[in-house]
Amino acid sequence: MKEFIRVMKALSDPNRVKILKMLQHRMMCVCEIKAALGLAQPTVSRHLKVLESAGLVDYKKDGLWVNYHIADGGHSPYAANLLGNLRHWLQVDPEIKSLLEALPTIRREEVCKR
């Protein structure tokens, strides 16, 4: 039951849901997520830690970059199920739609050098 509660709590924050929706479209670093959501870097890092702990996101290091992506769901059947369903949810939500439309304009080369 603890694993189920961890996944549900991770999805209880709107910003964490937005992060998952963005990561469904591409890998992103903390700077890109920060720019997309307008949040402070420590806040984004905390959200990512919660999502990682719940088995919803994972990361890969690439030189100086840490790229976050949707987890494969192999560690938690609850995470796998919710990630599969989340692909189909919130497609017409105005906030999500606007966020996803802005994704192509957010480039790490520009936002991470500031």
N, C-alpha and C. Protein backbone atom coordinates (compact mmCIF):
# COMPACT_ATOMS: atom_id res chain seq x y z
N MET A 1 0.81 -1.20 0.00
CA MET A 1 0.00 0.00 0.00
C MET A 1 0.86 1.26 0.00
N LYS A 2 2.04 1.23 0.63
CA LYS A 2 2.90 2.41 0.69
C LYS A 2 3.32 2.87 -0.70
N GLU A 3 3.60 1.92 -1.57
CA GLU A 3 4.01 2.25 -2.94
C GLU A 3 2.87 2.95 -3.69
N PHE A 4 1.67 2.47 -3.53
CA PHE A 4 0.49 3.08 -4.16
C PHE A 4 0.31 4.52 -3.68
N ILE A 5 0.40 4.72 -2.37
CA ILE A 5 0.23 6.06 -1.78
C ILE A 5 1.33 7.00 -2.28
N ARG A 6 2.55 6.50 -2.40
CA ARG A 6 3.67 7.33 -2.88
C ARG A 6 3.38 7.83 -4.31
N VAL A 7 2.88 6.95 -5.17
CA VAL A 7 2.57 7.34 -6.55
C VAL A 7 1.42 8.35 -6.56
N MET A 8 0.39 8.09 -5.78
CA MET A 8 -0.75 9.00 -5.76
C MET A 8 -0.37 10.37 -5.22
N LYS A 9 0.46 10.41 -4.18
CA LYS A 9 0.91 11.70 -3.64
C LYS A 9 1.76 12.45 -4.66
N ALA A 10 2.58 11.72 -5.40
CA ALA A 10 3.42 12.36 -6.41
C ALA A 10 2.56 13.03 -7.47
N LEU A 11 1.42 12.45 -7.78
CA LEU A 11 0.53 13.01 -8.80
C LEU A 11 -0.46 14.03 -8.25
N SER A 12 -0.36 14.32 -6.96
CA SER A 12 -1.33 15.23 -6.34
C SER A 12 -0.96 16.71 -6.52
N ASP A 13 0.19 16.98 -7.09
CA ASP A 13 0.61 18.37 -7.30
C ASP A 13 0.51 18.74 -8.78
N PRO A 14 -0.14 19.84 -9.11
CA PRO A 14 -0.30 20.23 -10.51
C PRO A 14 1.02 20.41 -11.26
N ASN A 15 2.03 20.94 -10.59
CA ASN A 15 3.32 21.13 -11.27
C ASN A 15 3.99 19.80 -11.59
N ARG A 16 3.82 18.81 -10.74
CA ARG A 16 4.39 17.49 -11.04
C ARG A 16 3.66 16.84 -12.21
N VAL A 17 2.36 17.04 -12.31
CA VAL A 17 1.61 16.52 -13.45
C VAL A 17 2.09 17.22 -14.73
N LYS A 18 2.30 18.51 -14.65
CA LYS A 18 2.80 19.26 -15.82
C LYS A 18 4.17 18.75 -16.25
N ILE A 19 5.03 18.48 -15.27
CA ILE A 19 6.36 17.94 -15.59
C ILE A 19 6.22 16.61 -16.33
N LEU A 20 5.36 15.74 -15.84
CA LEU A 20 5.16 14.46 -16.50
C LEU A 20 4.63 14.64 -17.92
N LYS A 21 3.69 15.54 -18.10
CA LYS A 21 3.14 15.77 -19.45
C LYS A 21 4.24 16.28 -20.40
N MET A 22 5.11 17.14 -19.92
CA MET A 22 6.20 17.63 -20.76
C MET A 22 7.19 16.51 -21.09
N LEU A 23 7.50 15.70 -20.09
CA LEU A 23 8.46 14.62 -20.30
C LEU A 23 7.91 13.53 -21.20
N GLN A 24 6.60 13.49 -21.38
CA GLN A 24 6.03 12.54 -22.34
C GLN A 24 6.42 12.92 -23.76
N HIS A 25 6.80 14.17 -23.97
CA HIS A 25 7.12 14.66 -25.31
C HIS A 25 8.61 14.72 -25.59
N ARG A 26 9.42 14.90 -24.53
CA ARG A 26 10.87 14.91 -24.73
C ARG A 26 11.60 14.88 -23.40
N MET A 27 12.87 14.47 -23.45
CA MET A 27 13.74 14.54 -22.29
C MET A 27 14.01 16.01 -22.01
N MET A 28 14.15 16.34 -20.73
CA MET A 28 14.41 17.74 -20.37
C MET A 28 15.36 17.80 -19.19
N CYS A 29 16.14 18.87 -19.13
CA CYS A 29 16.98 19.12 -17.96
C CYS A 29 16.22 20.04 -17.00
N VAL A 30 16.76 20.21 -15.82
CA VAL A 30 16.11 21.04 -14.80
C VAL A 30 15.92 22.47 -15.29
N CYS A 31 16.91 23.02 -15.99
CA CYS A 31 16.80 24.41 -16.49
C CYS A 31 15.62 24.57 -17.44
N GLU A 32 15.42 23.58 -18.32
CA GLU A 32 14.31 23.66 -19.27
C GLU A 32 12.96 23.58 -18.55
N ILE A 33 12.87 22.69 -17.57
CA ILE A 33 11.62 22.55 -16.81
C ILE A 33 11.36 23.84 -16.03
N LYS A 34 12.42 24.38 -15.44
CA LYS A 34 12.33 25.65 -14.69
C LYS A 34 11.80 26.76 -15.59
N ALA A 35 12.33 26.86 -16.79
CA ALA A 35 11.89 27.90 -17.73
C ALA A 35 10.44 27.69 -18.16
N ALA A 36 10.07 26.45 -18.40
CA ALA A 36 8.71 26.16 -18.86
C ALA A 36 7.66 26.47 -17.80
N LEU A 37 7.98 26.17 -16.54
CA LEU A 37 7.00 26.33 -15.47
C LEU A 37 7.14 27.65 -14.71
N GLY A 38 8.26 28.33 -14.88
CA GLY A 38 8.48 29.58 -14.15
C GLY A 38 8.69 29.35 -12.67
N LEU A 39 9.34 28.25 -12.34
CA LEU A 39 9.61 27.91 -10.94
C LEU A 39 11.09 28.06 -10.64
N ALA A 40 11.43 28.14 -9.37
CA ALA A 40 12.83 28.19 -8.95
C ALA A 40 13.47 26.82 -9.13
N GLN A 41 14.78 26.81 -9.36
CA GLN A 41 15.50 25.56 -9.58
C GLN A 41 15.36 24.59 -8.41
N PRO A 42 15.48 25.03 -7.14
CA PRO A 42 15.31 24.07 -6.04
C PRO A 42 13.91 23.45 -6.01
N THR A 43 12.90 24.22 -6.39
CA THR A 43 11.52 23.72 -6.41
C THR A 43 11.39 22.63 -7.47
N VAL A 44 11.93 22.88 -8.65
CA VAL A 44 11.88 21.88 -9.72
C VAL A 44 12.62 20.62 -9.30
N SER A 45 13.78 20.78 -8.69
CA SER A 45 14.56 19.62 -8.24
C SER A 45 13.79 18.80 -7.20
N ARG A 46 13.10 19.47 -6.30
CA ARG A 46 12.28 18.76 -5.29
C ARG A 46 11.16 17.98 -5.96
N HIS A 47 10.48 18.62 -6.92
CA HIS A 47 9.40 17.93 -7.64
C HIS A 47 9.94 16.69 -8.36
N LEU A 48 11.09 16.84 -9.00
CA LEU A 48 11.68 15.70 -9.72
C LEU A 48 12.07 14.58 -8.77
N LYS A 49 12.54 14.93 -7.59
CA LYS A 49 12.90 13.91 -6.59
C LYS A 49 11.67 13.13 -6.15
N VAL A 50 10.55 13.81 -5.95
CA VAL A 50 9.30 13.14 -5.57
C VAL A 50 8.85 12.20 -6.69
N LEU A 51 8.91 12.69 -7.92
CA LEU A 51 8.49 11.86 -9.07
C LEU A 51 9.42 10.66 -9.25
N GLU A 52 10.70 10.88 -9.03
CA GLU A 52 11.67 9.77 -9.14
C GLU A 52 11.43 8.74 -8.04
N SER A 53 11.19 9.20 -6.84
CA SER A 53 10.93 8.30 -5.71
C SER A 53 9.69 7.44 -5.94
N ALA A 54 8.72 7.98 -6.66
CA ALA A 54 7.49 7.25 -6.95
C ALA A 54 7.63 6.33 -8.16
N GLY A 55 8.78 6.37 -8.83
CA GLY A 55 9.00 5.53 -9.99
C GLY A 55 8.39 6.08 -11.27
N LEU A 56 8.11 7.38 -11.28
CA LEU A 56 7.46 8.00 -12.45
C LEU A 56 8.46 8.61 -13.43
N VAL A 57 9.60 9.08 -12.93
CA VAL A 57 10.63 9.61 -13.81
C VAL A 57 11.97 8.98 -13.47
N ASP A 58 12.86 9.07 -14.43
CA ASP A 58 14.22 8.60 -14.25
C ASP A 58 15.13 9.62 -14.94
N TYR A 59 16.42 9.46 -14.80
CA TYR A 59 17.34 10.42 -15.43
C TYR A 59 18.55 9.69 -15.99
N LYS A 60 19.19 10.36 -16.93
CA LYS A 60 20.44 9.89 -17.50
C LYS A 60 21.40 11.06 -17.51
N LYS A 61 22.63 10.78 -17.11
CA LYS A 61 23.65 11.83 -17.17
C LYS A 61 24.32 11.77 -18.54
N ASP A 62 24.54 12.96 -19.10
CA ASP A 62 25.19 13.09 -20.39
C ASP A 62 26.19 14.23 -20.28
N GLY A 63 27.40 13.90 -19.87
CA GLY A 63 28.40 14.94 -19.61
C GLY A 63 27.95 15.79 -18.45
N LEU A 64 27.81 17.08 -18.68
CA LEU A 64 27.36 18.00 -17.63
C LEU A 64 25.84 18.01 -17.48
N TRP A 65 25.14 17.46 -18.46
CA TRP A 65 23.68 17.49 -18.44
C TRP A 65 23.11 16.31 -17.67
N VAL A 66 22.00 16.56 -16.99
CA VAL A 66 21.20 15.50 -16.37
C VAL A 66 19.85 15.59 -17.05
N ASN A 67 19.54 14.58 -17.85
CA ASN A 67 18.31 14.56 -18.64
C ASN A 67 17.26 13.70 -17.96
N TYR A 68 16.12 14.30 -17.68
CA TYR A 68 15.00 13.58 -17.06
C TYR A 68 14.06 13.08 -18.14
N HIS A 69 13.50 11.90 -17.90
CA HIS A 69 12.57 11.29 -18.84
C HIS A 69 11.56 10.44 -18.07
N ILE A 70 10.48 10.08 -18.73
CA ILE A 70 9.47 9.22 -18.13
C ILE A 70 10.09 7.86 -17.85
N ALA A 71 9.84 7.31 -16.67
CA ALA A 71 10.36 5.99 -16.32
C ALA A 71 9.62 4.92 -17.11
N ASP A 72 10.23 3.76 -17.20
CA ASP A 72 9.60 2.67 -17.94
C ASP A 72 8.52 1.96 -17.13
N GLY A 73 8.38 2.31 -15.86
CA GLY A 73 7.33 1.73 -15.03
C GLY A 73 7.68 0.35 -14.49
N GLY A 74 8.90 -0.08 -14.72
CA GLY A 74 9.32 -1.42 -14.29
C GLY A 74 9.43 -1.60 -12.78
N HIS A 75 9.56 -0.51 -12.05
CA HIS A 75 9.72 -0.62 -10.60
C HIS A 75 8.41 -0.61 -9.84
N SER A 76 7.35 -0.17 -10.50
CA SER A 76 6.07 -0.06 -9.81
C SER A 76 4.92 -0.29 -10.78
N PRO A 77 4.08 -1.28 -10.50
CA PRO A 77 2.92 -1.48 -11.37
C PRO A 77 1.95 -0.29 -11.31
N TYR A 78 1.90 0.40 -10.19
CA TYR A 78 1.03 1.56 -10.05
C TYR A 78 1.53 2.70 -10.94
N ALA A 79 2.84 2.93 -10.90
CA ALA A 79 3.43 3.98 -11.74
C ALA A 79 3.23 3.64 -13.21
N ALA A 80 3.48 2.40 -13.58
CA ALA A 80 3.32 1.99 -14.98
C ALA A 80 1.90 2.21 -15.47
N ASN A 81 0.94 1.82 -14.66
CA ASN A 81 -0.47 1.96 -15.05
C ASN A 81 -0.85 3.43 -15.19
N LEU A 82 -0.48 4.24 -14.23
CA LEU A 82 -0.84 5.66 -14.28
C LEU A 82 -0.12 6.40 -15.40
N LEU A 83 1.14 6.04 -15.66
CA LEU A 83 1.85 6.67 -16.77
C LEU A 83 1.20 6.34 -18.10
N GLY A 84 0.74 5.09 -18.24
CA GLY A 84 0.05 4.69 -19.46
C GLY A 84 -1.24 5.46 -19.66
N ASN A 85 -1.99 5.62 -18.59
CA ASN A 85 -3.25 6.36 -18.69
C ASN A 85 -3.03 7.86 -18.85
N LEU A 86 -2.01 8.39 -18.21
CA LEU A 86 -1.75 9.83 -18.27
C LEU A 86 -1.48 10.29 -19.70
N ARG A 87 -0.98 9.38 -20.54
CA ARG A 87 -0.76 9.73 -21.95
C ARG A 87 -2.04 10.22 -22.62
N HIS A 88 -3.18 9.69 -22.17
CA HIS A 88 -4.47 10.01 -22.79
C HIS A 88 -5.26 11.07 -22.02
N TRP A 89 -4.81 11.40 -20.84
CA TRP A 89 -5.53 12.36 -20.01
C TRP A 89 -4.99 13.77 -20.22
N LEU A 90 -5.84 14.73 -20.00
CA LEU A 90 -5.51 16.17 -19.96
C LEU A 90 -5.07 16.74 -21.30
N GLN A 91 -5.34 16.06 -22.40
CA GLN A 91 -4.94 16.55 -23.71
C GLN A 91 -5.59 17.88 -24.06
N VAL A 92 -6.81 18.10 -23.60
CA VAL A 92 -7.52 19.33 -23.94
C VAL A 92 -7.50 20.37 -22.82
N ASP A 93 -6.82 20.07 -21.73
CA ASP A 93 -6.70 21.03 -20.64
C ASP A 93 -5.94 22.26 -21.14
N PRO A 94 -6.50 23.47 -20.96
CA PRO A 94 -5.86 24.68 -21.50
C PRO A 94 -4.42 24.90 -21.00
N GLU A 95 -4.18 24.66 -19.72
CA GLU A 95 -2.83 24.85 -19.18
C GLU A 95 -1.84 23.89 -19.82
N ILE A 96 -2.22 22.64 -19.91
CA ILE A 96 -1.34 21.62 -20.49
C ILE A 96 -1.12 21.91 -21.97
N LYS A 97 -2.17 22.24 -22.66
CA LYS A 97 -2.08 22.52 -24.09
C LYS A 97 -1.12 23.68 -24.35
N SER A 98 -1.25 24.74 -23.58
CA SER A 98 -0.39 25.92 -23.71
C SER A 98 1.07 25.57 -23.41
N LEU A 99 1.27 24.80 -22.37
CA LEU A 99 2.62 24.38 -21.97
C LEU A 99 3.28 23.56 -23.07
N LEU A 100 2.55 22.61 -23.63
CA LEU A 100 3.10 21.76 -24.68
C LEU A 100 3.36 22.53 -25.97
N GLU A 101 2.54 23.53 -26.25
CA GLU A 101 2.77 24.35 -27.44
C GLU A 101 4.04 25.19 -27.29
N ALA A 102 4.39 25.56 -26.06
CA ALA A 102 5.58 26.37 -25.81
C ALA A 102 6.87 25.54 -25.78
N LEU A 103 6.76 24.23 -25.64
CA LEU A 103 7.94 23.37 -25.50
C LEU A 103 8.98 23.56 -26.60
N PRO A 104 8.60 23.64 -27.87
CA PRO A 104 9.63 23.78 -28.91
C PRO A 104 10.47 25.06 -28.80
N THR A 105 9.96 26.06 -28.12
CA THR A 105 10.71 27.32 -27.99
C THR A 105 11.67 27.30 -26.81
N ILE A 106 11.59 26.28 -25.98
CA ILE A 106 12.46 26.18 -24.80
C ILE A 106 13.66 25.30 -25.15
N ARG A 107 14.81 25.96 -25.30
CA ARG A 107 16.03 25.26 -25.69
C ARG A 107 17.08 25.43 -24.60
N ARG A 108 17.67 24.31 -24.21
CA ARG A 108 18.64 24.34 -23.11
C ARG A 108 19.83 25.25 -23.40
N GLU A 109 20.22 25.35 -24.65
CA GLU A 109 21.36 26.20 -24.99
C GLU A 109 21.09 27.65 -24.62
N GLU A 110 19.84 28.04 -24.64
CA GLU A 110 19.49 29.42 -24.31
C GLU A 110 19.15 29.60 -22.84
N VAL A 111 18.37 28.70 -22.26
CA VAL A 111 17.90 28.89 -20.88
C VAL A 111 18.93 28.49 -19.84
N CYS A 112 19.84 27.62 -20.17
CA CYS A 112 20.81 27.14 -19.17
C CYS A 112 22.07 28.00 -19.07
N LYS A 113 22.26 28.90 -20.01
CA LYS A 113 23.48 29.73 -19.97
C LYS A 113 23.30 30.99 -19.12
N ARG A 114 22.06 31.25 -18.70
CA ARG A 114 21.81 32.48 -17.93
C ARG A 114 22.38 32.38 -16.54
